[in-house]
Protein backbone atom coordinates (compact mmCIF):
# COMPACT_ATOMS: atom_id res chain seq x y z
CA MET A 1 0.00 0.00 0.00
CA ALA A 2 2.77 2.39 0.91
CA SER A 3 4.75 1.57 -2.25
CA SER A 4 1.70 2.18 -4.45
CA ASN A 5 1.05 5.56 -2.83
CA LEU A 6 4.70 6.51 -3.28
CA ARG A 7 4.54 5.48 -6.93
CA ALA A 8 1.42 7.59 -7.45
CA TYR A 9 3.06 10.63 -5.83
CA LEU A 10 6.15 10.20 -8.00
CA VAL A 11 4.01 10.01 -11.15
CA ARG A 12 2.19 13.20 -10.14
CA LEU A 13 5.48 14.94 -9.42
CA ALA A 14 6.91 13.88 -12.79
CA VAL A 15 3.82 15.19 -14.61
CA LEU A 16 4.04 18.44 -12.64
CA LEU A 17 7.68 18.96 -13.66
CA ALA A 18 6.93 18.04 -17.27
CA GLY A 19 4.06 20.54 -17.37
CA LEU A 20 6.26 23.25 -15.91
CA PHE A 21 8.96 22.49 -18.48
CA LEU A 22 6.40 22.58 -21.29
CA LEU A 23 4.93 25.88 -20.08
CA VAL A 24 8.28 27.63 -19.84
CA GLY A 25 9.80 25.98 -22.91
CA ALA A 26 6.92 26.95 -25.18
CA GLY A 27 7.22 30.57 -24.06
CA LEU A 28 10.96 30.61 -24.72
CA LEU A 29 10.54 29.02 -28.15
CA HIS A 30 7.92 31.62 -29.07
CA ALA A 31 10.14 34.48 -27.89
CA PHE A 32 13.45 33.39 -29.44
CA ALA A 33 12.65 30.83 -32.17
CA GLN A 34 9.47 32.36 -33.69
CA PHE A 35 7.33 29.40 -32.61
CA PRO A 36 3.73 29.78 -33.88
CA THR A 37 1.38 31.53 -31.47
CA ALA A 38 -1.41 28.94 -31.69
CA LEU A 39 0.93 26.05 -30.96
CA THR A 40 2.53 28.04 -28.14
CA LEU A 41 -0.85 28.64 -26.48
CA LEU A 42 -1.82 24.98 -26.92
CA ALA A 43 1.47 23.76 -25.45
CA GLN A 44 1.22 26.14 -22.51
CA TYR A 45 -2.37 25.07 -21.85
CA LEU A 46 -1.33 21.42 -21.83
CA GLY A 47 1.49 22.34 -19.48
CA MET A 48 -1.00 24.05 -17.17
CA VAL A 49 -3.14 20.90 -17.21
CA GLY A 50 -0.16 18.80 -16.17
CA ILE A 51 0.83 21.26 -13.44
CA LEU A 52 -2.64 21.36 -11.91
CA TRP A 53 -3.05 17.59 -12.11
CA GLY A 54 0.32 17.12 -10.40
CA LEU A 55 -0.42 19.69 -7.71
CA ASN A 56 -3.77 18.11 -6.97
CA ALA A 57 -1.94 15.22 -5.28
CA PHE A 58 -0.48 17.61 -2.71
CA PHE A 59 -3.05 20.44 -2.44
CA PHE A 60 -6.85 20.58 -2.48
CA ARG A 61 -7.24 16.83 -2.22
CA ARG A 62 -10.93 17.20 -1.33
CA VAL A 63 -11.56 18.62 -4.81
CA PRO A 64 -10.24 15.93 -7.19
CA LEU A 65 -9.39 17.37 -10.61
CA THR A 66 -10.11 14.78 -13.27
CA GLY A 67 -11.68 14.70 -16.69
CA LEU A 68 -13.76 17.68 -17.75
CA VAL A 69 -13.34 19.46 -14.39
CA LEU A 70 -9.57 19.40 -14.84
CA LEU A 71 -9.80 20.81 -18.38
CA VAL A 72 -12.18 23.62 -17.39
CA PHE A 73 -10.21 24.52 -14.27
CA SER A 74 -6.97 24.53 -16.26
CA ALA A 75 -8.52 26.79 -18.91
CA ALA A 76 -9.64 29.25 -16.23
CA ALA A 77 -6.23 29.26 -14.53
CA PHE A 78 -4.48 29.62 -17.89
CA GLY A 79 -6.72 32.54 -18.83
CA VAL A 80 -6.01 34.33 -15.55
CA LEU A 81 -2.24 33.83 -15.95
CA PHE A 82 -2.40 34.93 -19.60
CA PHE A 83 -4.13 38.22 -18.82
CA LEU A 84 -1.88 38.76 -15.81
CA GLY A 85 1.21 38.26 -17.97
CA PHE A 86 -0.17 40.56 -20.67
CA PHE A 87 -0.86 43.26 -18.07
CA LEU A 88 2.63 42.96 -16.59
CA GLN A 89 4.32 42.98 -20.00
CA GLU A 90 2.35 45.76 -21.67
CA VAL A 91 1.43 48.06 -18.78
CA VAL A 92 3.53 47.48 -15.67
CA GLY A 93 6.75 46.49 -17.45
CA PRO A 94 7.28 49.67 -19.51
CA TRP A 95 6.36 51.85 -16.51
CA LEU A 96 8.86 50.05 -14.27
CA ILE A 97 11.60 50.28 -16.91
CA ASP A 98 11.00 54.00 -17.40
CA SER A 99 10.90 54.68 -13.65
CA ALA A 100 14.05 52.64 -13.08
CA GLY A 101 15.85 54.57 -15.84
CA ARG A 102 14.92 57.90 -14.28
CA PHE A 103 15.94 56.70 -10.83
CA ILE A 104 19.30 55.36 -12.03
CA ARG A 105 20.08 58.68 -13.70
CA LEU A 106 19.46 60.50 -10.40
CA VAL A 107 21.28 58.14 -8.03
CA ARG A 108 24.83 56.88 -8.39
CA LEU A 109 25.65 53.21 -7.90
CA THR A 110 28.12 53.95 -5.10
CA ASP A 111 25.41 55.79 -3.18
CA LEU A 112 23.06 52.81 -3.50
CA ILE A 113 25.75 50.43 -2.25
CA PHE A 114 26.50 52.74 0.68
CA TYR A 115 22.83 52.93 1.66
CA ALA A 116 22.57 49.15 1.33
CA PHE A 117 25.46 48.65 3.78
CA ALA A 118 24.03 51.30 6.13
CA LEU A 119 20.60 49.62 6.05
CA MET A 120 22.20 46.22 6.66
CA THR A 121 24.04 47.60 9.68
CA VAL A 122 20.98 49.26 11.20
CA LEU A 123 18.64 46.32 10.61
CA GLY A 124 21.22 43.84 11.90
CA ALA A 125 21.75 45.87 15.06
CA ALA A 126 17.98 46.21 15.56
CA GLY A 127 17.48 42.48 15.09
CA CYS A 128 20.27 41.73 17.56
CA ALA A 129 18.78 44.08 20.17
CA PHE A 130 15.08 43.32 19.82
CA SER A 131 14.95 39.63 18.88
CA ARG A 132 13.57 37.36 21.59
CA ASN A 133 15.58 34.40 20.29
CA ILE A 134 19.26 34.55 21.18
CA ILE A 135 20.25 32.54 18.09
CA TYR A 136 18.46 35.02 15.82
CA SER A 137 20.23 37.81 17.69
CA ALA A 138 23.60 36.23 16.95
CA TRP A 139 22.79 35.88 13.26
CA SER A 140 21.58 39.48 13.17
CA LEU A 141 24.91 40.48 14.68
CA LEU A 142 26.58 38.87 11.67
CA PHE A 143 24.82 41.27 9.28
CA ALA A 144 25.64 44.22 11.52
CA PHE A 145 29.34 43.30 11.46
CA MET A 146 29.33 42.84 7.69
CA GLY A 147 27.62 46.20 7.22
CA VAL A 148 30.21 47.93 9.39
CA ALA A 149 32.98 46.29 7.34
CA GLY A 150 31.41 47.71 4.18
CA LEU A 151 31.26 51.18 5.72
CA TYR A 152 34.96 50.89 6.57
CA VAL A 153 35.64 50.18 2.89
CA PHE A 154 33.78 53.36 1.91
CA LEU A 155 35.94 55.29 4.38
CA GLY A 156 39.06 54.00 2.64
CA ALA A 157 40.11 52.02 5.71
CA ASP A 158 41.03 48.67 4.21
CA PHE A 159 42.77 47.28 7.29
CA PRO A 160 39.83 47.87 9.72
CA ALA A 161 37.46 46.39 7.12
CA VAL A 162 39.49 43.17 6.81
CA ALA A 163 40.02 43.03 10.58
CA GLN A 164 36.28 43.47 11.09
CA VAL A 165 35.57 40.44 8.93
CA LEU A 166 38.40 38.24 10.22
CA ILE A 167 38.21 39.07 13.94
CA TYR A 168 34.59 39.96 14.63
CA VAL A 169 32.84 37.78 12.07
CA GLY A 170 35.35 34.94 11.85
CA GLY A 171 36.35 34.88 15.52
CA ILE A 172 34.07 36.58 18.00
CA LEU A 173 30.77 35.77 16.30
CA VAL A 174 31.73 32.13 15.80
CA LEU A 175 32.74 31.99 19.48
CA ILE A 176 29.37 33.45 20.47
CA LEU A 177 27.52 30.88 18.36
CA PHE A 178 29.53 28.01 19.88
CA ALA A 179 28.83 29.36 23.37
CA ILE A 180 25.11 29.52 22.60
CA MET A 181 25.02 26.00 21.16
CA LEU A 182 27.00 24.52 24.06
CA THR A 183 24.93 26.24 26.76
CA LYS A 184 22.36 24.04 28.45
CA GLN A 185 18.70 25.04 28.62
CA ILE A 186 19.24 27.74 26.00
CA GLY A 187 15.71 27.43 24.68
CA GLU A 188 13.95 27.94 28.01
CA ASP A 189 12.50 31.27 29.08
CA PRO A 190 14.93 33.16 31.30
CA LYS A 191 13.80 34.16 34.77
CA LEU A 192 14.26 37.93 34.83
CA SER A 193 14.11 40.08 37.93
CA ASN A 194 12.53 43.55 37.79
CA ALA A 195 11.06 42.79 34.39
CA HIS A 196 8.48 45.58 34.84
CA LEU A 197 11.28 48.15 34.70
CA ALA A 198 12.70 46.94 31.38
CA LEU A 199 10.34 48.82 29.05
CA PRO A 200 10.30 52.23 30.84
CA VAL A 201 14.04 52.32 31.52
CA GLY A 202 14.93 51.01 28.07
CA GLY A 203 12.54 53.45 26.40
CA ALA A 204 13.98 56.39 28.35
CA LEU A 205 17.57 55.43 27.54
CA GLY A 206 16.69 54.88 23.89
CA ALA A 207 14.96 58.26 23.65
CA VAL A 208 17.94 60.03 25.23
CA THR A 209 20.39 58.23 22.93
CA VAL A 210 18.41 58.91 19.76
CA GLY A 211 17.85 62.53 20.74
CA THR A 212 21.54 63.10 21.49
CA LEU A 213 22.70 61.51 18.25
CA SER A 214 20.09 63.41 16.21
CA TYR A 215 21.11 66.71 17.79
CA MET A 216 24.78 66.02 17.08
CA ALA A 217 24.05 65.01 13.49
CA VAL A 218 22.04 68.17 12.80
CA MET A 219 23.99 70.78 14.77
CA ALA A 220 27.57 69.60 14.22
CA PRO A 221 29.57 71.80 11.79
CA TRP A 222 30.32 69.10 9.24
CA LYS A 223 33.11 70.04 6.84
CA VAL A 224 32.53 69.18 3.20
CA VAL A 225 35.77 68.45 1.35
CA ALA A 226 36.61 66.98 -2.00
CA ALA A 227 36.56 63.21 -2.19
CA PRO A 228 40.11 62.00 -1.53
CA SER A 229 41.86 59.35 -3.56
CA TYR A 230 41.86 56.31 -1.32
CA GLN A 231 45.22 54.72 -0.60
CA PRO A 232 45.89 51.44 1.25
CA VAL A 233 46.75 51.98 4.90
CA SER A 234 47.93 48.49 5.83
CA ALA A 235 51.58 49.23 5.02
CA ALA A 236 51.58 52.45 7.04
CA LEU A 237 49.99 50.68 10.02
CA GLY A 238 52.55 47.88 9.88
CA ILE A 239 55.43 50.34 9.83
CA ALA A 240 53.90 52.29 12.73
CA PHE A 241 53.41 49.14 14.82
CA LEU A 242 57.05 48.13 14.36
CA THR A 243 58.61 51.58 14.82
CA ASP A 244 56.80 54.31 16.75
CA TYR A 245 54.31 52.05 18.56
CA LEU A 246 56.49 48.97 19.04
CA LEU A 247 56.37 49.05 22.87
CA PRO A 248 52.55 49.36 23.17
CA PHE A 249 52.18 46.67 20.52
CA GLU A 250 54.37 44.25 22.48
CA VAL A 251 52.59 45.10 25.76
CA VAL A 252 49.23 44.30 24.19
CA SER A 253 50.58 41.00 22.86
CA VAL A 254 51.83 40.06 26.37
CA VAL A 255 48.42 40.94 27.88
CA LEU A 256 46.63 38.78 25.30
CA LEU A 257 49.07 35.92 25.98
CA ALA A 258 48.40 36.22 29.73
CA ALA A 259 44.64 36.12 29.11
CA LEU A 260 45.05 33.02 26.95
CA VAL A 261 47.15 31.25 29.59
CA GLY A 262 44.66 32.19 32.30
CA ALA A 263 41.78 30.79 30.26
CA VAL A 264 43.67 27.50 29.80
CA VAL A 265 44.43 27.26 33.53
CA ILE A 266 40.81 27.94 34.53
CA ALA A 267 39.48 25.42 32.03
CA ARG A 268 41.98 22.77 33.16
CA LYS A 269 41.03 23.32 36.81
CA GLU A 270 37.33 22.88 36.05
CA ILE A 271 38.03 19.69 34.09
CA LYS A 272 40.10 18.30 36.97
CA GLU A 273 37.40 19.08 39.54
CA THR A 274 34.79 17.41 37.36
CA SER A 275 36.91 14.29 36.89
CA ASP A 276 37.59 14.01 40.66
CA GLN A 277 33.87 13.86 41.52
CA PRO A 278 32.59 10.33 42.24
CA ILE A 279 30.39 8.82 39.62
């Protein structure tokens, strides 16, 4: 019984794919190979029949499409799609092409890419802050980091852009995701104290922050200068780290090494205490 049902589903699926291929192929032949219009419409109608008959095995099972009902229903669906395609091609299509041409002449491509990175950064940060699922917050943080890296590129700062991708995206974000996945009871609702204060305090802090940033953006005396020719800064940073800032650079490396050793010692101690406990 199960094998017969599987065979019937596979037959329906094959007919569905064949109808889809026939529908699209007839349209392409008519557009590029001057296929006759009558034969194109007939082939597309037969493709629509096959598509609906194949879909009927998965959707609307209470209304079996067979025989004359299938032919009439396919004709109605084909007519609706035909008029919809005609409307899109003859009315909506030219209007969209004309509007897009006017818009492209007004806006430069670099501006669109900049706004895309800025929107990615803002939406990623908002998703990280307001998502109730910590995994979705971590993935939103990924888009925020990538958007910031793109903004660094527009500022001509190639080294911070690459460091943003390698360190924050490739290191810190991956570490956060591993910490989330390895944490027990991550899907349970957290027990928060003073939850009634979250919305008023958060709203007040958000209003103050947005107001301060808006005031600074509007009232600051921004200087407009000519666009500079961007030059790579990695070589200059490397020379500065090994000449003028050699001592701070080495101090930071020693601090990071001490933090790494401390993390290993703490982890080893916890493993030893766990292994000493009786089973």
